[in-house]
Amino acid sequence: MIEVLDNKQRMRYEIVADGNVAGFAQYNMRGGRLIFVHTEIDDAYSGRGLATELVTSALDDVRARGLCIVPICPFVERFIERHHEYDALVDHEMFDALNKEPT
């Protein structure tokens, strides 16, 4: 059995497979936004599509809660580029400001 849980104390969504935490999507909260900073799947669980399932469930939860995100994590950013239905969750102004090259 696979489930995704929001571990608010550790500030990350965790994907649990067969009773073990198989991976997570780490976030920070800033002004009502979840800033996704890192996604990781344990090597023992790689190749099973768990990262995609994890991010899909996390973004569905964010949508249900009426929040927005800033996808600093490259995996989450690429996921949203491929799944445009989640683009409305992105705070593009903050995303652009955080990704702006220093002058």
PDB file of N, CA and C in Angstrom:
ATOM      1  N   MET A   1       0.840  -1.185   0.000  1.00  0.00           N
ATOM      2  CA  MET A   1       0.000   0.000   0.000  1.00  0.00           C
ATOM      3  C   MET A   1       0.884   1.247   0.000  1.00  0.00           C
ATOM      4  N   ILE A   2       0.485   2.229  -0.786  1.00  0.00           N
ATOM      5  CA  ILE A   2       1.242   3.479  -0.883  1.00  0.00           C
ATOM      6  C   ILE A   2       0.325   4.628  -0.478  1.00  0.00           C
ATOM      7  N   GLU A   3       0.857   5.531   0.362  1.00  0.00           N
ATOM      8  CA  GLU A   3       0.099   6.717   0.742  1.00  0.00           C
ATOM      9  C   GLU A   3       1.052   7.900   0.864  1.00  0.00           C
ATOM     10  N   VAL A   4       0.498   9.099   0.675  1.00  0.00           N
ATOM     11  CA  VAL A   4       1.266  10.333   0.806  1.00  0.00           C
ATOM     12  C   VAL A   4       0.672  11.123   1.965  1.00  0.00           C
ATOM     13  N   LEU A   5       1.559  11.552   2.863  1.00  0.00           N
ATOM     14  CA  LEU A   5       1.143  12.286   4.057  1.00  0.00           C
ATOM     15  C   LEU A   5       1.904  13.599   4.149  1.00  0.00           C
ATOM     16  N   ASP A   6       1.240  14.628   4.656  1.00  0.00           N
ATOM     17  CA  ASP A   6       1.906  15.902   4.924  1.00  0.00           C
ATOM     18  C   ASP A   6       2.430  15.850   6.355  1.00  0.00           C
ATOM     19  N   ASN A   7       3.732  15.715   6.500  1.00  0.00           N
ATOM     20  CA  ASN A   7       4.366  15.707   7.816  1.00  0.00           C
ATOM     21  C   ASN A   7       4.711  17.160   8.143  1.00  0.00           C
ATOM     22  N   LYS A   8       3.758  17.863   8.737  1.00  0.00           N
ATOM     23  CA  LYS A   8       3.913  19.302   8.995  1.00  0.00           C
ATOM     24  C   LYS A   8       5.064  19.604   9.953  1.00  0.00           C
ATOM     25  N   GLN A   9       5.334  18.713  10.898  1.00  0.00           N
ATOM     26  CA  GLN A   9       6.438  18.940  11.831  1.00  0.00           C
ATOM     27  C   GLN A   9       7.786  18.951  11.116  1.00  0.00           C
ATOM     28  N   ARG A  10       7.937  18.115  10.102  1.00  0.00           N
ATOM     29  CA  ARG A  10       9.196  18.043   9.360  1.00  0.00           C
ATOM     30  C   ARG A  10       9.150  18.880   8.086  1.00  0.00           C
ATOM     31  N   MET A  11       7.992  19.514   7.835  1.00  0.00           N
ATOM     32  CA  MET A  11       7.781  20.376   6.669  1.00  0.00           C
ATOM     33  C   MET A  11       8.102  19.638   5.367  1.00  0.00           C
ATOM     34  N   ARG A  12       7.409  18.510   5.205  1.00  0.00           N
ATOM     35  CA  ARG A  12       7.597  17.744   3.979  1.00  0.00           C
ATOM     36  C   ARG A  12       6.427  16.790   3.776  1.00  0.00           C
ATOM     37  N   TYR A  13       6.148  16.539   2.511  1.00  0.00           N
ATOM     38  CA  TYR A  13       5.219  15.481   2.145  1.00  0.00           C
ATOM     39  C   TYR A  13       6.041  14.206   2.053  1.00  0.00           C
ATOM     40  N   GLU A  14       5.529  13.136   2.637  1.00  0.00           N
ATOM     41  CA  GLU A  14       6.231  11.864   2.627  1.00  0.00           C
ATOM     42  C   GLU A  14       5.397  10.825   1.882  1.00  0.00           C
ATOM     43  N   ILE A  15       6.073  10.010   1.100  1.00  0.00           N
ATOM     44  CA  ILE A  15       5.401   8.885   0.461  1.00  0.00           C
ATOM     45  C   ILE A  15       5.819   7.633   1.215  1.00  0.00           C
ATOM     46  N   VAL A  16       4.808   6.891   1.657  1.00  0.00           N
ATOM     47  CA  VAL A  16       5.023   5.698   2.471  1.00  0.00           C
ATOM     48  C   VAL A  16       4.646   4.483   1.625  1.00  0.00           C
ATOM     49  N   ALA A  17       5.607   3.573   1.489  1.00  0.00           N
ATOM     50  CA  ALA A  17       5.380   2.343   0.737  1.00  0.00           C
ATOM     51  C   ALA A  17       5.658   1.160   1.661  1.00  0.00           C
ATOM     52  N   ASP A  18       4.689   0.299   1.797  1.00  0.00           N
ATOM     53  CA  ASP A  18       4.843  -0.894   2.650  1.00  0.00           C
ATOM     54  C   ASP A  18       5.283  -0.537   4.064  1.00  0.00           C
ATOM     55  N   GLY A  19       4.755   0.565   4.598  1.00  0.00           N
ATOM     56  CA  GLY A  19       5.046   0.976   5.962  1.00  0.00           C
ATOM     57  C   GLY A  19       6.335   1.745   6.155  1.00  0.00           C
ATOM     58  N   ASN A  20       7.091   1.978   5.074  1.00  0.00           N
ATOM     59  CA  ASN A  20       8.361   2.702   5.162  1.00  0.00           C
ATOM     60  C   ASN A  20       8.297   4.014   4.397  1.00  0.00           C
ATOM     61  N   VAL A  21       8.930   5.048   4.939  1.00  0.00           N
ATOM     62  CA  VAL A  21       9.034   6.310   4.206  1.00  0.00           C
ATOM     63  C   VAL A  21       9.999   6.073   3.050  1.00  0.00           C
ATOM     64  N   ALA A  22       9.457   6.118   1.836  1.00  0.00           N
ATOM     65  CA  ALA A  22      10.241   5.833   0.636  1.00  0.00           C
ATOM     66  C   ALA A  22      10.809   7.098   0.020  1.00  0.00           C
ATOM     67  N   GLY A  23      10.284   8.248   0.419  1.00  0.00           N
ATOM     68  CA  GLY A  23      10.769   9.508  -0.130  1.00  0.00           C
ATOM     69  C   GLY A  23       9.978  10.669   0.431  1.00  0.00           C
ATOM     70  N   PHE A  24      10.402  11.871   0.019  1.00  0.00           N
ATOM     71  CA  PHE A  24       9.751  13.070   0.524  1.00  0.00           C
ATOM     72  C   PHE A  24       9.947  14.239  -0.427  1.00  0.00           C
ATOM     73  N   ALA A  25       9.077  15.220  -0.271  1.00  0.00           N
ATOM     74  CA  ALA A  25       9.177  16.510  -0.961  1.00  0.00           C
ATOM     75  C   ALA A  25       9.224  17.568   0.135  1.00  0.00           C
ATOM     76  N   GLN A  26      10.407  18.120   0.347  1.00  0.00           N
ATOM     77  CA  GLN A  26      10.643  19.109   1.418  1.00  0.00           C
ATOM     78  C   GLN A  26      10.116  20.475   0.995  1.00  0.00           C
ATOM     79  N   TYR A  27       9.524  21.199   1.938  1.00  0.00           N
ATOM     80  CA  TYR A  27       9.034  22.547   1.641  1.00  0.00           C
ATOM     81  C   TYR A  27       9.292  23.474   2.822  1.00  0.00           C
ATOM     82  N   ASN A  28       9.225  24.755   2.533  1.00  0.00           N
ATOM     83  CA  ASN A  28       9.219  25.812   3.544  1.00  0.00           C
ATOM     84  C   ASN A  28       7.923  26.575   3.366  1.00  0.00           C
ATOM     85  N   MET A  29       7.396  27.136   4.450  1.00  0.00           N
ATOM     86  CA  MET A  29       6.189  27.973   4.365  1.00  0.00           C
ATOM     87  C   MET A  29       6.590  29.425   4.475  1.00  0.00           C
ATOM     88  N   ARG A  30       6.143  30.236   3.532  1.00  0.00           N
ATOM     89  CA  ARG A  30       6.391  31.678   3.550  1.00  0.00           C
ATOM     90  C   ARG A  30       5.152  32.387   3.033  1.00  0.00           C
ATOM     91  N   GLY A  31       4.526  33.155   3.900  1.00  0.00           N
ATOM     92  CA  GLY A  31       3.381  33.960   3.485  1.00  0.00           C
ATOM     93  C   GLY A  31       2.273  33.175   2.816  1.00  0.00           C
ATOM     94  N   GLY A  32       1.925  32.020   3.357  1.00  0.00           N
ATOM     95  CA  GLY A  32       0.849  31.221   2.777  1.00  0.00           C
ATOM     96  C   GLY A  32       1.249  30.455   1.536  1.00  0.00           C
ATOM     97  N   ARG A  33       2.538  30.408   1.234  1.00  0.00           N
ATOM     98  CA  ARG A  33       3.033  29.676   0.075  1.00  0.00           C
ATOM     99  C   ARG A  33       3.910  28.519   0.541  1.00  0.00           C
ATOM    100  N   LEU A  34       3.794  27.406  -0.147  1.00  0.00           N
ATOM    101  CA  LEU A  34       4.718  26.303   0.076  1.00  0.00           C
ATOM    102  C   LEU A  34       5.827  26.437  -0.956  1.00  0.00           C
ATOM    103  N   ILE A  35       7.042  26.579  -0.467  1.00  0.00           N
ATOM    104  CA  ILE A  35       8.202  26.670  -1.352  1.00  0.00           C
ATOM    105  C   ILE A  35       8.839  25.287  -1.364  1.00  0.00           C
ATOM    106  N   PHE A  36       8.631  24.545  -2.461  1.00  0.00           N
ATOM    107  CA  PHE A  36       9.203  23.211  -2.578  1.00  0.00           C
ATOM    108  C   PHE A  36      10.680  23.341  -2.907  1.00  0.00           C
ATOM    109  N   VAL A  37      11.533  22.779  -2.037  1.00  0.00           N
ATOM    110  CA  VAL A  37      12.975  22.969  -2.184  1.00  0.00           C
ATOM    111  C   VAL A  37      13.722  21.693  -2.570  1.00  0.00           C
ATOM    112  N   HIS A  38      13.161  20.522  -2.296  1.00  0.00           N
ATOM    113  CA  HIS A  38      13.900  19.289  -2.584  1.00  0.00           C
ATOM    114  C   HIS A  38      12.949  18.102  -2.583  1.00  0.00           C
ATOM    115  N   THR A  39      13.137  17.216  -3.561  1.00  0.00           N
ATOM    116  CA  THR A  39      12.385  15.969  -3.616  1.00  0.00           C
ATOM    117  C   THR A  39      13.388  14.825  -3.702  1.00  0.00           C
ATOM    118  N   GLU A  40      13.127  13.788  -2.921  1.00  0.00           N
ATOM    119  CA  GLU A  40      14.074  12.670  -2.861  1.00  0.00           C
ATOM    120  C   GLU A  40      13.322  11.357  -2.677  1.00  0.00           C
ATOM    121  N   ILE A  41      13.733  10.346  -3.439  1.00  0.00           N
ATOM    122  CA  ILE A  41      13.207   8.990  -3.283  1.00  0.00           C
ATOM    123  C   ILE A  41      14.383   8.087  -2.940  1.00  0.00           C
ATOM    124  N   ASP A  42      14.201   7.253  -1.919  1.00  0.00           N
ATOM    125  CA  ASP A  42      15.237   6.310  -1.516  1.00  0.00           C
ATOM    126  C   ASP A  42      15.577   5.402  -2.699  1.00  0.00           C
ATOM    127  N   ASP A  43      16.870   5.113  -2.867  1.00  0.00           N
ATOM    128  CA  ASP A  43      17.329   4.271  -3.974  1.00  0.00           C
ATOM    129  C   ASP A  43      16.614   2.923  -4.024  1.00  0.00           C
ATOM    130  N   ALA A  44      16.254   2.390  -2.889  1.00  0.00           N
ATOM    131  CA  ALA A  44      15.569   1.091  -2.844  1.00  0.00           C
ATOM    132  C   ALA A  44      14.195   1.141  -3.523  1.00  0.00           C
ATOM    133  N   TYR A  45      13.653   2.342  -3.711  1.00  0.00           N
ATOM    134  CA  TYR A  45      12.320   2.500  -4.298  1.00  0.00           C
ATOM    135  C   TYR A  45      12.353   3.193  -5.658  1.00  0.00           C
ATOM    136  N   SER A  46      13.535   3.452  -6.188  1.00  0.00           N
ATOM    137  CA  SER A  46      13.630   4.193  -7.448  1.00  0.00           C
ATOM    138  C   SER A  46      13.068   3.364  -8.610  1.00  0.00           C
ATOM    139  N   GLY A  47      12.625   4.072  -9.629  1.00  0.00           N
ATOM    140  CA  GLY A  47      12.099   3.424 -10.816  1.00  0.00           C
ATOM    141  C   GLY A  47      10.680   2.927 -10.711  1.00  0.00           C
ATOM    142  N   ARG A  48      10.005   3.267  -9.642  1.00  0.00           N
ATOM    143  CA  ARG A  48       8.623   2.801  -9.439  1.00  0.00           C
ATOM    144  C   ARG A  48       7.596   3.912  -9.627  1.00  0.00           C
ATOM    145  N   GLY A  49       8.039   5.096 -10.046  1.00  0.00           N
ATOM    146  CA  GLY A  49       7.121   6.205 -10.257  1.00  0.00           C
ATOM    147  C   GLY A  49       6.666   6.882  -8.981  1.00  0.00           C
ATOM    148  N   LEU A  50       7.371   6.632  -7.881  1.00  0.00           N
ATOM    149  CA  LEU A  50       6.935   7.188  -6.599  1.00  0.00           C
ATOM    150  C   LEU A  50       7.110   8.702  -6.526  1.00  0.00           C
ATOM    151  N   ALA A  51       8.132   9.249  -7.170  1.00  0.00           N
ATOM    152  CA  ALA A  51       8.315  10.706  -7.138  1.00  0.00           C
ATOM    153  C   ALA A  51       7.144  11.401  -7.811  1.00  0.00           C
ATOM    154  N   THR A  52       6.698  10.857  -8.921  1.00  0.00           N
ATOM    155  CA  THR A  52       5.545  11.431  -9.620  1.00  0.00           C
ATOM    156  C   THR A  52       4.291  11.329  -8.764  1.00  0.00           C
ATOM    157  N   GLU A  53       4.085  10.176  -8.147  1.00  0.00           N
ATOM    158  CA  GLU A  53       2.913   9.998  -7.270  1.00  0.00           C
ATOM    159  C   GLU A  53       2.984  10.943  -6.075  1.00  0.00           C
ATOM    160  N   LEU A  54       4.164  11.098  -5.516  1.00  0.00           N
ATOM    161  CA  LEU A  54       4.373  11.995  -4.376  1.00  0.00           C
ATOM    162  C   LEU A  54       4.018  13.434  -4.734  1.00  0.00           C
ATOM    163  N   VAL A  55       4.577  13.923  -5.835  1.00  0.00           N
ATOM    164  CA  VAL A  55       4.352  15.318  -6.214  1.00  0.00           C
ATOM    165  C   VAL A  55       2.903  15.536  -6.638  1.00  0.00           C
ATOM    166  N   THR A  56       2.318  14.596  -7.341  1.00  0.00           N
ATOM    167  CA  THR A  56       0.909  14.718  -7.726  1.00  0.00           C
ATOM    168  C   THR A  56       0.028  14.848  -6.486  1.00  0.00           C
ATOM    169  N   SER A  57       0.226  13.980  -5.507  1.00  0.00           N
ATOM    170  CA  SER A  57      -0.578  14.027  -4.284  1.00  0.00           C
ATOM    171  C   SER A  57      -0.336  15.315  -3.502  1.00  0.00           C
ATOM    172  N   ALA A  58       0.922  15.751  -3.430  1.00  0.00           N
ATOM    173  CA  ALA A  58       1.242  16.989  -2.710  1.00  0.00           C
ATOM    174  C   ALA A  58       0.556  18.179  -3.364  1.00  0.00           C
ATOM    175  N   LEU A  59       0.642  18.268  -4.683  1.00  0.00           N
ATOM    176  CA  LEU A  59       0.029  19.409  -5.379  1.00  0.00           C
ATOM    177  C   LEU A  59      -1.495  19.358  -5.312  1.00  0.00           C
ATOM    178  N   ASP A  60      -2.070  18.170  -5.360  1.00  0.00           N
ATOM    179  CA  ASP A  60      -3.527  18.050  -5.184  1.00  0.00           C
ATOM    180  C   ASP A  60      -3.938  18.533  -3.800  1.00  0.00           C
ATOM    181  N   ASP A  61      -3.134  18.223  -2.782  1.00  0.00           N
ATOM    182  CA  ASP A  61      -3.423  18.682  -1.425  1.00  0.00           C
ATOM    183  C   ASP A  61      -3.303  20.199  -1.331  1.00  0.00           C
ATOM    184  N   VAL A  62      -2.269  20.757  -1.938  1.00  0.00           N
ATOM    185  CA  VAL A  62      -2.093  22.214  -1.945  1.00  0.00           C
ATOM    186  C   VAL A  62      -3.301  22.882  -2.591  1.00  0.00           C
ATOM    187  N   ARG A  63      -3.743  22.346  -3.716  1.00  0.00           N
ATOM    188  CA  ARG A  63      -4.920  22.899  -4.406  1.00  0.00           C
ATOM    189  C   ARG A  63      -6.146  22.835  -3.514  1.00  0.00           C
ATOM    190  N   ALA A  64      -6.367  21.696  -2.863  1.00  0.00           N
ATOM    191  CA  ALA A  64      -7.536  21.525  -1.993  1.00  0.00           C
ATOM    192  C   ALA A  64      -7.514  22.493  -0.811  1.00  0.00           C
ATOM    193  N   ARG A  65      -6.328  22.850  -0.352  1.00  0.00           N
ATOM    194  CA  ARG A  65      -6.181  23.774   0.771  1.00  0.00           C
ATOM    195  C   ARG A  65      -6.207  25.243   0.332  1.00  0.00           C
ATOM    196  N   GLY A  66      -6.264  25.498  -0.964  1.00  0.00           N
ATOM    197  CA  GLY A  66      -6.335  26.866  -1.470  1.00  0.00           C
ATOM    198  C   GLY A  66      -5.038  27.642  -1.333  1.00  0.00           C
ATOM    199  N   LEU A  67      -3.913  26.928  -1.325  1.00  0.00           N
ATOM    200  CA  LEU A  67      -2.606  27.569  -1.195  1.00  0.00           C
ATOM    201  C   LEU A  67      -1.930  27.673  -2.553  1.00  0.00           C
ATOM    202  N   CYS A  68      -0.790  28.340  -2.585  1.00  0.00           N
ATOM    203  CA  CYS A  68       0.001  28.387  -3.803  1.00  0.00           C
ATOM    204  C   CYS A  68       1.420  27.934  -3.475  1.00  0.00           C
ATOM    205  N   ILE A  69       2.201  27.715  -4.527  1.00  0.00           N
ATOM    206  CA  ILE A  69       3.539  27.167  -4.344  1.00  0.00           C
ATOM    207  C   ILE A  69       4.578  27.986  -5.111  1.00  0.00           C
ATOM    208  N   VAL A  70       5.817  27.738  -4.729  1.00  0.00           N
ATOM    209  CA  VAL A  70       6.976  28.224  -5.472  1.00  0.00           C
ATOM    210  C   VAL A  70       7.872  26.992  -5.657  1.00  0.00           C
ATOM    211  N   PRO A  71       7.996  26.502  -6.914  1.00  0.00           N
ATOM    212  CA  PRO A  71       8.732  25.259  -7.148  1.00  0.00           C
ATOM    213  C   PRO A  71      10.237  25.484  -7.376  1.00  0.00           C
ATOM    214  N   ILE A  72      10.981  25.655  -6.293  1.00  0.00           N
ATOM    215  CA  ILE A  72      12.433  25.804  -6.394  1.00  0.00           C
ATOM    216  C   ILE A  72      13.081  24.454  -6.711  1.00  0.00           C
ATOM    217  N   CYS A  73      12.499  23.373  -6.222  1.00  0.00           N
ATOM    218  CA  CYS A  73      12.989  22.025  -6.494  1.00  0.00           C
ATOM    219  C   CYS A  73      12.901  21.754  -8.000  1.00  0.00           C
ATOM    220  N   PRO A  74      14.006  21.368  -8.635  1.00  0.00           N
ATOM    221  CA  PRO A  74      13.986  21.115 -10.083  1.00  0.00           C
ATOM    222  C   PRO A  74      12.979  20.036 -10.500  1.00  0.00           C
ATOM    223  N   PHE A  75      12.796  18.992  -9.682  1.00  0.00           N
ATOM    224  CA  PHE A  75      11.843  17.947 -10.041  1.00  0.00           C
ATOM    225  C   PHE A  75      10.422  18.496 -10.069  1.00  0.00           C
ATOM    226  N   VAL A  76      10.052  19.268  -9.047  1.00  0.00           N
ATOM    227  CA  VAL A  76       8.697  19.830  -8.989  1.00  0.00           C
ATOM    228  C   VAL A  76       8.505  20.829 -10.129  1.00  0.00           C
ATOM    229  N   GLU A  77       9.516  21.630 -10.412  1.00  0.00           N
ATOM    230  CA  GLU A  77       9.422  22.592 -11.511  1.00  0.00           C
ATOM    231  C   GLU A  77       9.188  21.869 -12.843  1.00  0.00           C
ATOM    232  N   ARG A  78       9.969  20.833 -13.131  1.00  0.00           N
ATOM    233  CA  ARG A  78       9.798  20.078 -14.385  1.00  0.00           C
ATOM    234  C   ARG A  78       8.446  19.369 -14.424  1.00  0.00           C
ATOM    235  N   PHE A  79       8.001  18.859 -13.284  1.00  0.00           N
ATOM    236  CA  PHE A  79       6.707  18.197 -13.224  1.00  0.00           C
ATOM    237  C   PHE A  79       5.602  19.163 -13.651  1.00  0.00           C
ATOM    238  N   ILE A  80       5.634  20.380 -13.134  1.00  0.00           N
ATOM    239  CA  ILE A  80       4.606  21.372 -13.469  1.00  0.00           C
ATOM    240  C   ILE A  80       4.707  21.784 -14.935  1.00  0.00           C
ATOM    241  N   GLU A  81       5.918  21.855 -15.467  1.00  0.00           N
ATOM    242  CA  GLU A  81       6.080  22.169 -16.890  1.00  0.00           C
ATOM    243  C   GLU A  81       5.417  21.110 -17.771  1.00  0.00           C
ATOM    244  N   ARG A  82       5.421  19.851 -17.321  1.00  0.00           N
ATOM    245  CA  ARG A  82       4.814  18.749 -18.083  1.00  0.00           C
ATOM    246  C   ARG A  82       3.327  18.563 -17.774  1.00  0.00           C
ATOM    247  N   HIS A  83       2.882  19.083 -16.641  1.00  0.00           N
ATOM    248  CA  HIS A  83       1.487  18.931 -16.210  1.00  0.00           C
ATOM    249  C   HIS A  83       0.905  20.324 -15.957  1.00  0.00           C
ATOM    250  N   HIS A  84       0.495  20.954 -17.023  1.00  0.00           N
ATOM    251  CA  HIS A  84       0.058  22.352 -16.985  1.00  0.00           C
ATOM    252  C   HIS A  84      -1.136  22.601 -16.070  1.00  0.00           C
ATOM    253  N   GLU A  85      -1.866  21.555 -15.741  1.00  0.00           N
ATOM    254  CA  GLU A  85      -3.032  21.743 -14.874  1.00  0.00           C
ATOM    255  C   GLU A  85      -2.640  22.230 -13.482  1.00  0.00           C
ATOM    256  N   TYR A  86      -1.359  22.129 -13.130  1.00  0.00           N
ATOM    257  CA  TYR A  86      -0.890  22.603 -11.824  1.00  0.00           C
ATOM    258  C   TYR A  86      -0.257  23.991 -11.887  1.00  0.00           C
ATOM    259  N   ASP A  87      -0.128  24.556 -13.073  1.00  0.00           N
ATOM    260  CA  ASP A  87       0.528  25.857 -13.222  1.00  0.00           C
ATOM    261  C   ASP A  87      -0.192  26.963 -12.454  1.00  0.00           C
ATOM    262  N   ALA A  88      -1.496  26.864 -12.314  1.00  0.00           N
ATOM    263  CA  ALA A  88      -2.260  27.894 -11.602  1.00  0.00           C
ATOM    264  C   ALA A  88      -1.894  27.956 -10.115  1.00  0.00           C
ATOM    265  N   LEU A  89      -1.261  26.923  -9.592  1.00  0.00           N
ATOM    266  CA  LEU A  89      -0.840  26.916  -8.193  1.00  0.00           C
ATOM    267  C   LEU A  89       0.431  27.731  -7.957  1.00  0.00           C
ATOM    268  N   VAL A  90       1.172  28.017  -9.024  1.00  0.00           N
ATOM    269  CA  VAL A  90       2.486  28.651  -8.901  1.00  0.00           C
ATOM    270  C   VAL A  90       2.353  30.163  -8.732  1.00  0.00           C
ATOM    271  N   ASP A  91       3.035  30.682  -7.726  1.00  0.00           N
ATOM    272  CA  ASP A  91       3.184  32.127  -7.569  1.00  0.00           C
ATOM    273  C   ASP A  91       4.361  32.522  -8.456  1.00  0.00           C
ATOM    274  N   HIS A  92       4.056  32.867  -9.700  1.00  0.00           N
ATOM    275  CA  HIS A  92       5.098  33.143 -10.695  1.00  0.00           C
ATOM    276  C   HIS A  92       5.938  34.366 -10.335  1.00  0.00           C
ATOM    277  N   GLU A  93       5.331  35.346  -9.719  1.00  0.00           N
ATOM    278  CA  GLU A  93       6.079  36.540  -9.335  1.00  0.00           C
ATOM    279  C   GLU A  93       7.177  36.198  -8.325  1.00  0.00           C
ATOM    280  N   MET A  94       6.818  35.423  -7.298  1.00  0.00           N
ATOM    281  CA  MET A  94       7.821  35.031  -6.306  1.00  0.00           C
ATOM    282  C   MET A  94       8.838  34.066  -6.920  1.00  0.00           C
ATOM    283  N   PHE A  95       8.369  33.148  -7.756  1.00  0.00           N
ATOM    284  CA  PHE A  95       9.263  32.205  -8.421  1.00  0.00           C
ATOM    285  C   PHE A  95      10.316  32.958  -9.228  1.00  0.00           C
ATOM    286  N   ASP A  96       9.874  33.938 -10.024  1.00  0.00           N
ATOM    287  CA  ASP A  96      10.806  34.727 -10.838  1.00  0.00           C
ATOM    288  C   ASP A  96      11.773  35.509  -9.967  1.00  0.00           C
ATOM    289  N   ALA A  97      11.271  36.064  -8.869  1.00  0.00           N
ATOM    290  CA  ALA A  97      12.146  36.852  -7.973  1.00  0.00           C
ATOM    291  C   ALA A  97      13.200  35.968  -7.333  1.00  0.00           C
ATOM    292  N   LEU A  98      12.836  34.762  -6.944  1.00  0.00           N
ATOM    293  CA  LEU A  98      13.799  33.868  -6.297  1.00  0.00           C
ATOM    294  C   LEU A  98      14.798  33.271  -7.278  1.00  0.00           C
ATOM    295  N   ASN A  99      14.419  33.178  -8.534  1.00  0.00           N
ATOM    296  CA  ASN A  99      15.304  32.605  -9.551  1.00  0.00           C
ATOM    297  C   ASN A  99      16.087  33.642 -10.332  1.00  0.00           C
ATOM    298  N   LYS A 100      15.903  34.898  -9.984  1.00  0.00           N
ATOM    299  CA  LYS A 100      16.574  35.971 -10.700  1.00  0.00           C
ATOM    300  C   LYS A 100      18.080  35.940 -10.411  1.00  0.00           C
ATOM    301  N   GLU A 101      18.860  36.087 -11.475  1.00  0.00           N
ATOM    302  CA  GLU A 101      20.318  36.121 -11.331  1.00  0.00           C
ATOM    303  C   GLU A 101      20.723  37.404 -10.607  1.00  0.00           C
ATOM    304  N   PRO A 102      21.647  37.308  -9.651  1.00  0.00           N
ATOM    305  CA  PRO A 102      22.103  38.528  -8.962  1.00  0.00           C
ATOM    306  C   PRO A 102      22.814  39.454  -9.951  1.00  0.00           C
ATOM    307  N   THR A 103      22.629  40.759  -9.732  1.00  0.00           N
ATOM    308  CA  THR A 103      23.274  41.737 -10.618  1.00  0.00           C
ATOM    309  C   THR A 103      24.534  42.296 -10.011  1.00  0.00           C
TER     310      THR A 103
END
